[in-house]
PDB file of all heavy atoms in Angstrom:
ATOM      1  N   MET A   1    -215.562  59.906 -29.441  1.00  0.00           N
ATOM      2  CA  MET A   1    -216.045  61.105 -30.122  1.00  0.00           C
ATOM      3  C   MET A   1    -217.511  60.957 -30.495  1.00  0.00           C
ATOM      4  O   MET A   1    -217.965  59.857 -30.825  1.00  0.00           O
ATOM      5  CB  MET A   1    -215.208  61.378 -31.380  1.00  0.00           C
ATOM      6  CG  MET A   1    -213.771  61.748 -31.097  1.00  0.00           C
ATOM      7  SD  MET A   1    -212.844  62.139 -32.605  1.00  0.00           S
ATOM      8  CE  MET A   1    -212.758  60.521 -33.368  1.00  0.00           C
ATOM      9  N   ARG A   2    -218.217  62.085 -30.457  1.00  0.00           N
ATOM     10  CA  ARG A   2    -219.622  62.142 -30.870  1.00  0.00           C
ATOM     11  C   ARG A   2    -219.732  63.009 -32.126  1.00  0.00           C
ATOM     12  O   ARG A   2    -219.102  64.065 -32.233  1.00  0.00           O
ATOM     13  CB  ARG A   2    -220.470  62.751 -29.760  1.00  0.00           C
ATOM     14  CG  ARG A   2    -221.951  62.899 -30.134  1.00  0.00           C
ATOM     15  CD  ARG A   2    -222.709  63.763 -29.145  1.00  0.00           C
ATOM     16  NE  ARG A   2    -222.838  63.117 -27.845  1.00  0.00           N
ATOM     17  CZ  ARG A   2    -222.404  63.636 -26.705  1.00  0.00           C
ATOM     18  NH1 ARG A   2    -221.766  64.815 -26.708  1.00  0.00           N
ATOM     19  NH2 ARG A   2    -222.585  63.010 -25.562  1.00  0.00           N
ATOM     20  N   ARG A   3    -220.543  62.562 -33.063  1.00  0.00           N
ATOM     21  CA  ARG A   3    -220.796  63.362 -34.262  1.00  0.00           C
ATOM     22  C   ARG A   3    -221.586  64.601 -33.902  1.00  0.00           C
ATOM     23  O   ARG A   3    -222.588  64.531 -33.183  1.00  0.00           O
ATOM     24  CB  ARG A   3    -221.575  62.518 -35.278  1.00  0.00           C
ATOM     25  CG  ARG A   3    -221.995  63.278 -36.527  1.00  0.00           C
ATOM     26  CD  ARG A   3    -222.611  62.357 -37.548  1.00  0.00           C
ATOM     27  NE  ARG A   3    -223.875  61.765 -37.120  1.00  0.00           N
ATOM     28  CZ  ARG A   3    -225.080  62.308 -37.310  1.00  0.00           C
ATOM     29  NH1 ARG A   3    -225.187  63.485 -37.911  1.00  0.00           N
ATOM     30  NH2 ARG A   3    -226.171  61.680 -36.905  1.00  0.00           N
ATOM     31  N   ILE A   4    -221.168  65.767 -34.436  1.00  0.00           N
ATOM     32  CA  ILE A   4    -221.889  67.019 -34.164  1.00  0.00           C
ATOM     33  C   ILE A   4    -222.345  67.711 -35.451  1.00  0.00           C
ATOM     34  O   ILE A   4    -222.963  68.775 -35.382  1.00  0.00           O
ATOM     35  CB  ILE A   4    -221.032  67.990 -33.318  1.00  0.00           C
ATOM     36  CG1 ILE A   4    -219.699  68.296 -34.013  1.00  0.00           C
ATOM     37  CG2 ILE A   4    -220.816  67.439 -31.924  1.00  0.00           C
ATOM     38  CD1 ILE A   4    -218.873  69.364 -33.307  1.00  0.00           C
ATOM     39  N   GLY A   5    -222.029  67.127 -36.605  1.00  0.00           N
ATOM     40  CA  GLY A   5    -222.472  67.676 -37.879  1.00  0.00           C
ATOM     41  C   GLY A   5    -223.220  66.623 -38.664  1.00  0.00           C
ATOM     42  O   GLY A   5    -223.594  65.571 -38.134  1.00  0.00           O
ATOM     43  N   PRO A   6    -223.463  66.857 -39.942  1.00  0.00           N
ATOM     44  CA  PRO A   6    -224.115  65.850 -40.782  1.00  0.00           C
ATOM     45  C   PRO A   6    -223.288  64.572 -40.859  1.00  0.00           C
ATOM     46  O   PRO A   6    -222.062  64.598 -40.710  1.00  0.00           O
ATOM     47  CB  PRO A   6    -224.194  66.541 -42.152  1.00  0.00           C
ATOM     48  CG  PRO A   6    -224.039  67.993 -41.873  1.00  0.00           C
ATOM     49  CD  PRO A   6    -223.165  68.106 -40.671  1.00  0.00           C
ATOM     50  N   LYS A   7    -223.951  63.453 -41.091  1.00  0.00           N
ATOM     51  CA  LYS A   7    -223.234  62.183 -41.219  1.00  0.00           C
ATOM     52  C   LYS A   7    -222.194  62.282 -42.330  1.00  0.00           C
ATOM     53  O   LYS A   7    -222.491  62.736 -43.436  1.00  0.00           O
ATOM     54  CB  LYS A   7    -224.203  61.037 -41.510  1.00  0.00           C
ATOM     55  CG  LYS A   7    -224.888  60.481 -40.284  1.00  0.00           C
ATOM     56  CD  LYS A   7    -225.424  59.070 -40.512  1.00  0.00           C
ATOM     57  CE  LYS A   7    -225.936  58.490 -39.200  1.00  0.00           C
ATOM     58  NZ  LYS A   7    -226.305  57.065 -39.318  1.00  0.00           N
ATOM     59  N   GLY A   8    -220.991  61.840 -41.997  1.00  0.00           N
ATOM     60  CA  GLY A   8    -219.922  61.826 -42.980  1.00  0.00           C
ATOM     61  C   GLY A   8    -219.210  63.141 -43.177  1.00  0.00           C
ATOM     62  O   GLY A   8    -218.278  63.226 -43.988  1.00  0.00           O
ATOM     63  N   ALA A   9    -219.608  64.193 -42.442  1.00  0.00           N
ATOM     64  CA  ALA A   9    -218.994  65.515 -42.638  1.00  0.00           C
ATOM     65  C   ALA A   9    -217.686  65.672 -41.878  1.00  0.00           C
ATOM     66  O   ALA A   9    -216.972  66.664 -42.076  1.00  0.00           O
ATOM     67  CB  ALA A   9    -219.968  66.611 -42.217  1.00  0.00           C
ATOM     68  N   GLY A  10    -217.374  64.743 -40.998  1.00  0.00           N
ATOM     69  CA  GLY A  10    -216.109  64.801 -40.280  1.00  0.00           C
ATOM     70  C   GLY A  10    -216.084  65.814 -39.156  1.00  0.00           C
ATOM     71  O   GLY A  10    -215.010  66.295 -38.778  1.00  0.00           O
ATOM     72  N   GLN A  11    -217.237  66.125 -38.594  1.00  0.00           N
ATOM     73  CA  GLN A  11    -217.314  67.082 -37.490  1.00  0.00           C
ATOM     74  C   GLN A  11    -217.571  66.317 -36.196  1.00  0.00           C
ATOM     75  O   GLN A  11    -218.613  65.668 -36.037  1.00  0.00           O
ATOM     76  CB  GLN A  11    -218.427  68.106 -37.741  1.00  0.00           C
ATOM     77  CG  GLN A  11    -218.184  68.940 -38.988  1.00  0.00           C
ATOM     78  CD  GLN A  11    -219.366  69.812 -39.359  1.00  0.00           C
ATOM     79  OE1 GLN A  11    -220.406  69.778 -38.708  1.00  0.00           O
ATOM     80  NE2 GLN A  11    -219.217  70.595 -40.412  1.00  0.00           N
ATOM     81  N   TRP A  12    -216.614  66.406 -35.262  1.00  0.00           N
ATOM     82  CA  TRP A  12    -216.639  65.566 -34.068  1.00  0.00           C
ATOM     83  C   TRP A  12    -216.403  66.387 -32.813  1.00  0.00           C
ATOM     84  O   TRP A  12    -215.725  67.413 -32.839  1.00  0.00           O
ATOM     85  CB  TRP A  12    -215.562  64.476 -34.147  1.00  0.00           C
ATOM     86  CG  TRP A  12    -215.682  63.607 -35.359  1.00  0.00           C
ATOM     87  CD1 TRP A  12    -214.992  63.724 -36.537  1.00  0.00           C
ATOM     88  CD2 TRP A  12    -216.552  62.496 -35.525  1.00  0.00           C
ATOM     89  NE1 TRP A  12    -215.383  62.749 -37.421  1.00  0.00           N
ATOM     90  CE2 TRP A  12    -216.344  61.981 -36.828  1.00  0.00           C
ATOM     91  CE3 TRP A  12    -217.499  61.876 -34.704  1.00  0.00           C
ATOM     92  CZ2 TRP A  12    -217.027  60.872 -37.315  1.00  0.00           C
ATOM     93  CZ3 TRP A  12    -218.183  60.772 -35.185  1.00  0.00           C
ATOM     94  CH2 TRP A  12    -217.944  60.282 -36.481  1.00  0.00           C
ATOM     95  N   GLN A  13    -216.929  65.866 -31.720  1.00  0.00           N
ATOM     96  CA  GLN A  13    -216.694  66.434 -30.395  1.00  0.00           C
ATOM     97  C   GLN A  13    -216.129  65.346 -29.501  1.00  0.00           C
ATOM     98  O   GLN A  13    -216.712  64.261 -29.392  1.00  0.00           O
ATOM     99  CB  GLN A  13    -218.020  66.945 -29.804  1.00  0.00           C
ATOM    100  CG  GLN A  13    -217.923  67.451 -28.375  1.00  0.00           C
ATOM    101  CD  GLN A  13    -219.298  67.734 -27.778  1.00  0.00           C
ATOM    102  OE1 GLN A  13    -220.228  66.948 -27.955  1.00  0.00           O
ATOM    103  NE2 GLN A  13    -219.432  68.865 -27.125  1.00  0.00           N
ATOM    104  N   GLN A  14    -214.982  65.588 -28.872  1.00  0.00           N
ATOM    105  CA  GLN A  14    -214.413  64.614 -27.949  1.00  0.00           C
ATOM    106  C   GLN A  14    -215.284  64.534 -26.701  1.00  0.00           C
ATOM    107  O   GLN A  14    -215.690  65.551 -26.145  1.00  0.00           O
ATOM    108  CB  GLN A  14    -212.983  65.007 -27.571  1.00  0.00           C
ATOM    109  CG  GLN A  14    -212.299  63.995 -26.667  1.00  0.00           C
ATOM    110  CD  GLN A  14    -210.849  64.361 -26.394  1.00  0.00           C
ATOM    111  OE1 GLN A  14    -210.142  64.838 -27.288  1.00  0.00           O
ATOM    112  NE2 GLN A  14    -210.397  64.142 -25.173  1.00  0.00           N
ATOM    113  N   ILE A  15    -215.571  63.304 -26.268  1.00  0.00           N
ATOM    114  CA  ILE A  15    -216.384  63.085 -25.078  1.00  0.00           C
ATOM    115  C   ILE A  15    -215.700  62.059 -24.198  1.00  0.00           C
ATOM    116  O   ILE A  15    -214.736  61.404 -24.611  1.00  0.00           O
ATOM    117  CB  ILE A  15    -217.823  62.620 -25.432  1.00  0.00           C
ATOM    118  CG1 ILE A  15    -217.786  61.340 -26.287  1.00  0.00           C
ATOM    119  CG2 ILE A  15    -218.586  63.725 -26.155  1.00  0.00           C
ATOM    120  CD1 ILE A  15    -219.170  60.770 -26.606  1.00  0.00           C
ATOM    121  N   SER A  16    -216.203  61.880 -22.995  1.00  0.00           N
ATOM    122  CA  SER A  16    -215.645  60.889 -22.078  1.00  0.00           C
ATOM    123  C   SER A  16    -216.238  59.514 -22.364  1.00  0.00           C
ATOM    124  O   SER A  16    -217.274  59.390 -23.034  1.00  0.00           O
ATOM    125  CB  SER A  16    -215.954  61.279 -20.633  1.00  0.00           C
ATOM    126  OG  SER A  16    -217.351  61.124 -20.367  1.00  0.00           O
ATOM    127  N   TRP A  17    -215.605  58.496 -21.814  1.00  0.00           N
ATOM    128  CA  TRP A  17    -216.143  57.145 -21.959  1.00  0.00           C
ATOM    129  C   TRP A  17    -217.515  57.036 -21.297  1.00  0.00           C
ATOM    130  O   TRP A  17    -218.419  56.399 -21.848  1.00  0.00           O
ATOM    131  CB  TRP A  17    -215.182  56.119 -21.372  1.00  0.00           C
ATOM    132  CG  TRP A  17    -214.182  55.622 -22.374  1.00  0.00           C
ATOM    133  CD1 TRP A  17    -212.879  55.994 -22.501  1.00  0.00           C
ATOM    134  CD2 TRP A  17    -214.421  54.655 -23.412  1.00  0.00           C
ATOM    135  NE1 TRP A  17    -212.290  55.321 -23.552  1.00  0.00           N
ATOM    136  CE2 TRP A  17    -213.209  54.492 -24.128  1.00  0.00           C
ATOM    137  CE3 TRP A  17    -215.528  53.920 -23.811  1.00  0.00           C
ATOM    138  CZ2 TRP A  17    -213.079  53.623 -25.207  1.00  0.00           C
ATOM    139  CZ3 TRP A  17    -215.401  53.048 -24.894  1.00  0.00           C
ATOM    140  CH2 TRP A  17    -214.195  52.911 -25.583  1.00  0.00           C
ATOM    141  N   ASP A  18    -217.692  57.632 -20.132  1.00  0.00           N
ATOM    142  CA  ASP A  18    -218.995  57.553 -19.474  1.00  0.00           C
ATOM    143  C   ASP A  18    -220.077  58.196 -20.331  1.00  0.00           C
ATOM    144  O   ASP A  18    -221.181  57.644 -20.477  1.00  0.00           O
ATOM    145  CB  ASP A  18    -218.938  58.243 -18.107  1.00  0.00           C
ATOM    146  CG  ASP A  18    -218.256  57.392 -17.045  1.00  0.00           C
ATOM    147  OD1 ASP A  18    -218.184  56.155 -17.235  1.00  0.00           O
ATOM    148  OD2 ASP A  18    -217.789  57.953 -16.042  1.00  0.00           O
ATOM    149  N   GLU A  19    -219.777  59.337 -20.913  1.00  0.00           N
ATOM    150  CA  GLU A  19    -220.755  59.981 -21.793  1.00  0.00           C
ATOM    151  C   GLU A  19    -221.087  59.085 -22.983  1.00  0.00           C
ATOM    152  O   GLU A  19    -222.264  58.925 -23.358  1.00  0.00           O
ATOM    153  CB  GLU A  19    -220.212  61.315 -22.298  1.00  0.00           C
ATOM    154  CG  GLU A  19    -220.136  62.418 -21.280  1.00  0.00           C
ATOM    155  CD  GLU A  19    -219.511  63.667 -21.862  1.00  0.00           C
ATOM    156  OE1 GLU A  19    -218.284  63.652 -22.125  1.00  0.00           O
ATOM    157  OE2 GLU A  19    -220.244  64.660 -22.078  1.00  0.00           O
ATOM    158  N   ALA A  20    -220.061  58.514 -23.582  1.00  0.00           N
ATOM    159  CA  ALA A  20    -220.271  57.679 -24.763  1.00  0.00           C
ATOM    160  C   ALA A  20    -221.101  56.446 -24.424  1.00  0.00           C
ATOM    161  O   ALA A  20    -222.091  56.135 -25.105  1.00  0.00           O
ATOM    162  CB  ALA A  20    -218.924  57.274 -25.350  1.00  0.00           C
ATOM    163  N   LEU A  21    -220.710  55.741 -23.377  1.00  0.00           N
ATOM    164  CA  LEU A  21    -221.399  54.491 -23.032  1.00  0.00           C
ATOM    165  C   LEU A  21    -222.817  54.759 -22.553  1.00  0.00           C
ATOM    166  O   LEU A  21    -223.742  53.989 -22.868  1.00  0.00           O
ATOM    167  CB  LEU A  21    -220.595  53.745 -21.975  1.00  0.00           C
ATOM    168  CG  LEU A  21    -219.237  53.206 -22.452  1.00  0.00           C
ATOM    169  CD1 LEU A  21    -218.391  52.757 -21.266  1.00  0.00           C
ATOM    170  CD2 LEU A  21    -219.413  52.066 -23.443  1.00  0.00           C
ATOM    171  N   ASP A  22    -223.016  55.834 -21.809  1.00  0.00           N
ATOM    172  CA  ASP A  22    -224.372  56.165 -21.364  1.00  0.00           C
ATOM    173  C   ASP A  22    -225.277  56.468 -22.556  1.00  0.00           C
ATOM    174  O   ASP A  22    -226.439  56.027 -22.603  1.00  0.00           O
ATOM    175  CB  ASP A  22    -224.343  57.381 -20.427  1.00  0.00           C
ATOM    176  CG  ASP A  22    -223.787  57.061 -19.047  1.00  0.00           C
ATOM    177  OD1 ASP A  22    -223.661  55.868 -18.714  1.00  0.00           O
ATOM    178  OD2 ASP A  22    -223.455  58.012 -18.316  1.00  0.00           O
ATOM    179  N   GLU A  23    -224.759  57.202 -23.528  1.00  0.00           N
ATOM    180  CA  GLU A  23    -225.578  57.540 -24.693  1.00  0.00           C
ATOM    181  C   GLU A  23    -225.881  56.298 -25.527  1.00  0.00           C
ATOM    182  O   GLU A  23    -227.008  56.115 -26.000  1.00  0.00           O
ATOM    183  CB  GLU A  23    -224.886  58.594 -25.546  1.00  0.00           C
ATOM    184  CG  GLU A  23    -225.715  59.009 -26.756  1.00  0.00           C
ATOM    185  CD  GLU A  23    -225.143  60.193 -27.502  1.00  0.00           C
ATOM    186  OE1 GLU A  23    -224.269  60.897 -26.944  1.00  0.00           O
ATOM    187  OE2 GLU A  23    -225.570  60.420 -28.650  1.00  0.00           O
ATOM    188  N   ILE A  24    -224.884  55.446 -25.712  1.00  0.00           N
ATOM    189  CA  ILE A  24    -225.111  54.221 -26.492  1.00  0.00           C
ATOM    190  C   ILE A  24    -226.171  53.360 -25.822  1.00  0.00           C
ATOM    191  O   ILE A  24    -227.116  52.876 -26.473  1.00  0.00           O
ATOM    192  CB  ILE A  24    -223.800  53.435 -26.657  1.00  0.00           C
ATOM    193  CG1 ILE A  24    -222.794  54.232 -27.487  1.00  0.00           C
ATOM    194  CG2 ILE A  24    -224.068  52.081 -27.324  1.00  0.00           C
ATOM    195  CD1 ILE A  24    -221.374  53.688 -27.402  1.00  0.00           C
ATOM    196  N   ALA A  25    -226.038  53.148 -24.519  1.00  0.00           N
ATOM    197  CA  ALA A  25    -227.013  52.318 -23.808  1.00  0.00           C
ATOM    198  C   ALA A  25    -228.415  52.912 -23.899  1.00  0.00           C
ATOM    199  O   ALA A  25    -229.401  52.192 -24.146  1.00  0.00           O
ATOM    200  CB  ALA A  25    -226.589  52.159 -22.349  1.00  0.00           C
ATOM    201  N   ALA A  26    -228.528  54.229 -23.737  1.00  0.00           N
ATOM    202  CA  ALA A  26    -229.844  54.874 -23.808  1.00  0.00           C
ATOM    203  C   ALA A  26    -230.462  54.728 -25.190  1.00  0.00           C
ATOM    204  O   ALA A  26    -231.657  54.434 -25.325  1.00  0.00           O
ATOM    205  CB  ALA A  26    -229.714  56.351 -23.429  1.00  0.00           C
ATOM    206  N   ARG A  27    -229.656  54.913 -26.217  1.00  0.00           N
ATOM    207  CA  ARG A  27    -230.178  54.812 -27.591  1.00  0.00           C
ATOM    208  C   ARG A  27    -230.558  53.373 -27.922  1.00  0.00           C
ATOM    209  O   ARG A  27    -231.573  53.133 -28.585  1.00  0.00           O
ATOM    210  CB  ARG A  27    -229.154  55.358 -28.579  1.00  0.00           C
ATOM    211  CG  ARG A  27    -228.889  56.849 -28.464  1.00  0.00           C
ATOM    212  CD  ARG A  27    -230.077  57.694 -28.937  1.00  0.00           C
ATOM    213  NE  ARG A  27    -230.368  57.519 -30.337  1.00  0.00           N
ATOM    214  CZ  ARG A  27    -229.812  58.229 -31.324  1.00  0.00           C
ATOM    215  NH1 ARG A  27    -228.923  59.176 -31.029  1.00  0.00           N
ATOM    216  NH2 ARG A  27    -230.156  58.023 -32.569  1.00  0.00           N
ATOM    217  N   PHE A  28    -229.746  52.399 -27.489  1.00  0.00           N
ATOM    218  CA  PHE A  28    -230.089  50.995 -27.733  1.00  0.00           C
ATOM    219  C   PHE A  28    -231.400  50.637 -27.025  1.00  0.00           C
ATOM    220  O   PHE A  28    -232.265  49.952 -27.599  1.00  0.00           O
ATOM    221  CB  PHE A  28    -228.960  50.083 -27.270  1.00  0.00           C
ATOM    222  CG  PHE A  28    -227.810  49.954 -28.237  1.00  0.00           C
ATOM    223  CD1 PHE A  28    -227.611  50.857 -29.267  1.00  0.00           C
ATOM    224  CD2 PHE A  28    -226.906  48.906 -28.114  1.00  0.00           C
ATOM    225  CE1 PHE A  28    -226.561  50.738 -30.154  1.00  0.00           C
ATOM    226  CE2 PHE A  28    -225.839  48.771 -29.001  1.00  0.00           C
ATOM    227  CZ  PHE A  28    -225.668  49.687 -30.013  1.00  0.00           C
ATOM    228  N   LEU A  29    -231.553  51.079 -25.782  1.00  0.00           N
ATOM    229  CA  LEU A  29    -232.789  50.789 -25.051  1.00  0.00           C
ATOM    230  C   LEU A  29    -233.994  51.436 -25.727  1.00  0.00           C
ATOM    231  O   LEU A  29    -235.080  50.840 -25.790  1.00  0.00           O
ATOM    232  CB  LEU A  29    -232.667  51.282 -23.609  1.00  0.00           C
ATOM    233  CG  LEU A  29    -231.762  50.451 -22.691  1.00  0.00           C
ATOM    234  CD1 LEU A  29    -231.556  51.167 -21.369  1.00  0.00           C
ATOM    235  CD2 LEU A  29    -232.351  49.062 -22.455  1.00  0.00           C
ATOM    236  N   GLN A  30    -233.805  52.620 -26.254  1.00  0.00           N
ATOM    237  CA  GLN A  30    -234.896  53.297 -26.962  1.00  0.00           C
ATOM    238  C   GLN A  30    -235.311  52.515 -28.198  1.00  0.00           C
ATOM    239  O   GLN A  30    -236.505  52.344 -28.472  1.00  0.00           O
ATOM    240  CB  GLN A  30    -234.460  54.708 -27.343  1.00  0.00           C
ATOM    241  CG  GLN A  30    -235.541  55.538 -28.022  1.00  0.00           C
ATOM    242  CD  GLN A  30    -235.047  56.919 -28.394  1.00  0.00           C
ATOM    243  OE1 GLN A  30    -233.908  57.090 -28.831  1.00  0.00           O
ATOM    244  NE2 GLN A  30    -235.894  57.924 -28.218  1.00  0.00           N
ATOM    245  N   VAL A  31    -234.327  52.006 -28.963  1.00  0.00           N
ATOM    246  CA  VAL A  31    -234.647  51.206 -30.142  1.00  0.00           C
ATOM    247  C   VAL A  31    -235.348  49.915 -29.729  1.00  0.00           C
ATOM    248  O   VAL A  31    -236.328  49.495 -30.364  1.00  0.00           O
ATOM    249  CB  VAL A  31    -233.363  50.904 -30.945  1.00  0.00           C
ATOM    250  CG1 VAL A  31    -233.634  49.859 -32.028  1.00  0.00           C
ATOM    251  CG2 VAL A  31    -232.821  52.186 -31.578  1.00  0.00           C
ATOM    252  N   GLU A  32    -234.869  49.284 -28.665  1.00  0.00           N
ATOM    253  CA  GLU A  32    -235.518  48.058 -28.179  1.00  0.00           C
ATOM    254  C   GLU A  32    -236.988  48.327 -27.856  1.00  0.00           C
ATOM    255  O   GLU A  32    -237.869  47.522 -28.207  1.00  0.00           O
ATOM    256  CB  GLU A  32    -234.811  47.537 -26.933  1.00  0.00           C
ATOM    257  CG  GLU A  32    -233.425  46.958 -27.180  1.00  0.00           C
ATOM    258  CD  GLU A  32    -232.813  46.419 -25.898  1.00  0.00           C
ATOM    259  OE1 GLU A  32    -233.543  45.758 -25.131  1.00  0.00           O
ATOM    260  OE2 GLU A  32    -231.613  46.663 -25.652  1.00  0.00           O
ATOM    261  N   GLN A  33    -237.264  49.422 -27.175  1.00  0.00           N
ATOM    262  CA  GLN A  33    -238.632  49.737 -26.774  1.00  0.00           C
ATOM    263  C   GLN A  33    -239.512  50.084 -27.974  1.00  0.00           C
ATOM    264  O   GLN A  33    -240.675  49.673 -28.045  1.00  0.00           O
ATOM    265  CB  GLN A  33    -238.632  50.912 -25.791  1.00  0.00           C
ATOM    266  CG  GLN A  33    -238.042  50.574 -24.436  1.00  0.00           C
ATOM    267  CD  GLN A  33    -237.944  51.795 -23.529  1.00  0.00           C
ATOM    268  OE1 GLN A  33    -238.038  52.930 -23.996  1.00  0.00           O
ATOM    269  NE2 GLN A  33    -237.750  51.559 -22.238  1.00  0.00           N
ATOM    270  N   ASN A  34    -238.960  50.826 -28.922  1.00  0.00           N
ATOM    271  CA  ASN A  34    -239.769  51.310 -30.048  1.00  0.00           C
ATOM    272  C   ASN A  34    -239.952  50.274 -31.145  1.00  0.00           C
ATOM    273  O   ASN A  34    -241.013  50.210 -31.772  1.00  0.00           O
ATOM    274  CB  ASN A  34    -239.131  52.568 -30.646  1.00  0.00           C
ATOM    275  CG  ASN A  34    -239.177  53.747 -29.702  1.00  0.00           C
ATOM    276  OD1 ASN A  34    -239.928  53.745 -28.726  1.00  0.00           O
ATOM    277  ND2 ASN A  34    -238.380  54.766 -29.980  1.00  0.00           N
ATOM    278  N   SER A  35    -238.905  49.473 -31.404  1.00  0.00           N
ATOM    279  CA  SER A  35    -238.939  48.584 -32.573  1.00  0.00           C
ATOM    280  C   SER A  35    -238.629  47.132 -32.254  1.00  0.00           C
ATOM    281  O   SER A  35    -238.685  46.291 -33.147  1.00  0.00           O
ATOM    282  CB  SER A  35    -237.928  49.082 -33.617  1.00  0.00           C
ATOM    283  OG  SER A  35    -238.173  50.421 -33.960  1.00  0.00           O
ATOM    284  N   GLY A  36    -238.272  46.835 -31.011  1.00  0.00           N
ATOM    285  CA  GLY A  36    -237.926  45.477 -30.627  1.00  0.00           C
ATOM    286  C   GLY A  36    -236.428  45.259 -30.662  1.00  0.00           C
ATOM    287  O   GLY A  36    -235.701  45.935 -31.407  1.00  0.00           O
ATOM    288  N   PRO A  37    -235.930  44.305 -29.863  1.00  0.00           N
ATOM    289  CA  PRO A  37    -234.481  44.089 -29.777  1.00  0.00           C
ATOM    290  C   PRO A  37    -233.842  43.657 -31.090  1.00  0.00           C
ATOM    291  O   PRO A  37    -232.657  43.913 -31.310  1.00  0.00           O
ATOM    292  CB  PRO A  37    -234.342  43.003 -28.702  1.00  0.00           C
ATOM    293  CG  PRO A  37    -235.687  42.370 -28.600  1.00  0.00           C
ATOM    294  CD  PRO A  37    -236.676  43.433 -28.937  1.00  0.00           C
ATOM    295  N   GLU A  38    -234.604  43.023 -31.988  1.00  0.00           N
ATOM    296  CA  GLU A  38    -234.023  42.600 -33.266  1.00  0.00           C
ATOM    297  C   GLU A  38    -233.659  43.779 -34.158  1.00  0.00           C
ATOM    298  O   GLU A  38    -232.954  43.607 -35.156  1.00  0.00           O
ATOM    299  CB  GLU A  38    -234.982  41.673 -34.011  1.00  0.00           C
ATOM    300  CG  GLU A  38    -235.074  40.285 -33.406  1.00  0.00           C
ATOM    301  CD  GLU A  38    -235.876  39.338 -34.269  1.00  0.00           C
ATOM    302  OE1 GLU A  38    -236.701  39.821 -35.068  1.00  0.00           O
ATOM    303  OE2 GLU A  38    -235.672  38.112 -34.153  1.00  0.00           O
ATOM    304  N   SER A  39    -234.112  44.978 -33.802  1.00  0.00           N
ATOM    305  CA  SER A  39    -233.734  46.157 -34.576  1.00  0.00           C
ATOM    306  C   SER A  39    -232.345  46.671 -34.209  1.00  0.00           C
ATOM    307  O   SER A  39    -231.876  47.642 -34.795  1.00  0.00           O
ATOM    308  CB  SER A  39    -234.772  47.268 -34.382  1.00  0.00           C
ATOM    309  OG  SER A  39    -235.969  46.938 -35.067  1.00  0.00           O
ATOM    310  N   VAL A  40    -231.692  46.031 -33.243  1.00  0.00           N
ATOM    311  CA  VAL A  40    -230.289  46.295 -32.935  1.00  0.00           C
ATOM    312  C   VAL A  40    -229.473  45.150 -33.522  1.00  0.00           C
ATOM    313  O   VAL A  40    -229.770  43.976 -33.286  1.00  0.00           O
ATOM    314  CB  VAL A  40    -230.047  46.398 -31.418  1.00  0.00           C
ATOM    315  CG1 VAL A  40    -228.576  46.714 -31.141  1.00  0.00           C
ATOM    316  CG2 VAL A  40    -230.950  47.455 -30.804  1.00  0.00           C
ATOM    317  N   TRP A  41    -228.453  45.496 -34.291  1.00  0.00           N
ATOM    318  CA  TRP A  41    -227.651  44.470 -34.976  1.00  0.00           C
ATOM    319  C   TRP A  41    -226.165  44.686 -34.701  1.00  0.00           C
ATOM    320  O   TRP A  41    -225.520  45.496 -35.372  1.00  0.00           O
ATOM    321  CB  TRP A  41    -227.908  44.514 -36.484  1.00  0.00           C
ATOM    322  CG  TRP A  41    -227.308  43.368 -37.260  1.00  0.00           C
ATOM    323  CD1 TRP A  41    -226.996  42.121 -36.802  1.00  0.00           C
ATOM    324  CD2 TRP A  41    -226.963  43.370 -38.649  1.00  0.00           C
ATOM    325  NE1 TRP A  41    -226.486  41.337 -37.813  1.00  0.00           N
ATOM    326  CE2 TRP A  41    -226.455  42.087 -38.962  1.00  0.00           C
ATOM    327  CE3 TRP A  41    -227.034  44.322 -39.663  1.00  0.00           C
ATOM    328  CZ2 TRP A  41    -226.014  41.741 -40.246  1.00  0.00           C
ATOM    329  CZ3 TRP A  41    -226.601  43.983 -40.933  1.00  0.00           C
ATOM    330  CH2 TRP A  41    -226.103  42.712 -41.226  1.00  0.00           C
ATOM    331  N   PRO A  42    -225.586  43.994 -33.713  1.00  0.00           N
ATOM    332  CA  PRO A  42    -224.125  44.011 -33.564  1.00  0.00           C
ATOM    333  C   PRO A  42    -223.485  43.368 -34.790  1.00  0.00           C
ATOM    334  O   PRO A  42    -223.901  42.294 -35.236  1.00  0.00           O
ATOM    335  CB  PRO A  42    -223.893  43.176 -32.303  1.00  0.00           C
ATOM    336  CG  PRO A  42    -225.210  43.200 -31.576  1.00  0.00           C
ATOM    337  CD  PRO A  42    -226.248  43.231 -32.655  1.00  0.00           C
TER     338      PRO A  42
END
């Protein structure tokens, strides 16, 4: 699921695994480029 409302508001949209994983990878890469890999914390 992807959040579609304010954080914590409980508004979600069901998505596919490919959509979810593609978005996560893109956002992680963006953070790596903008702030460095240490700005990602598993």
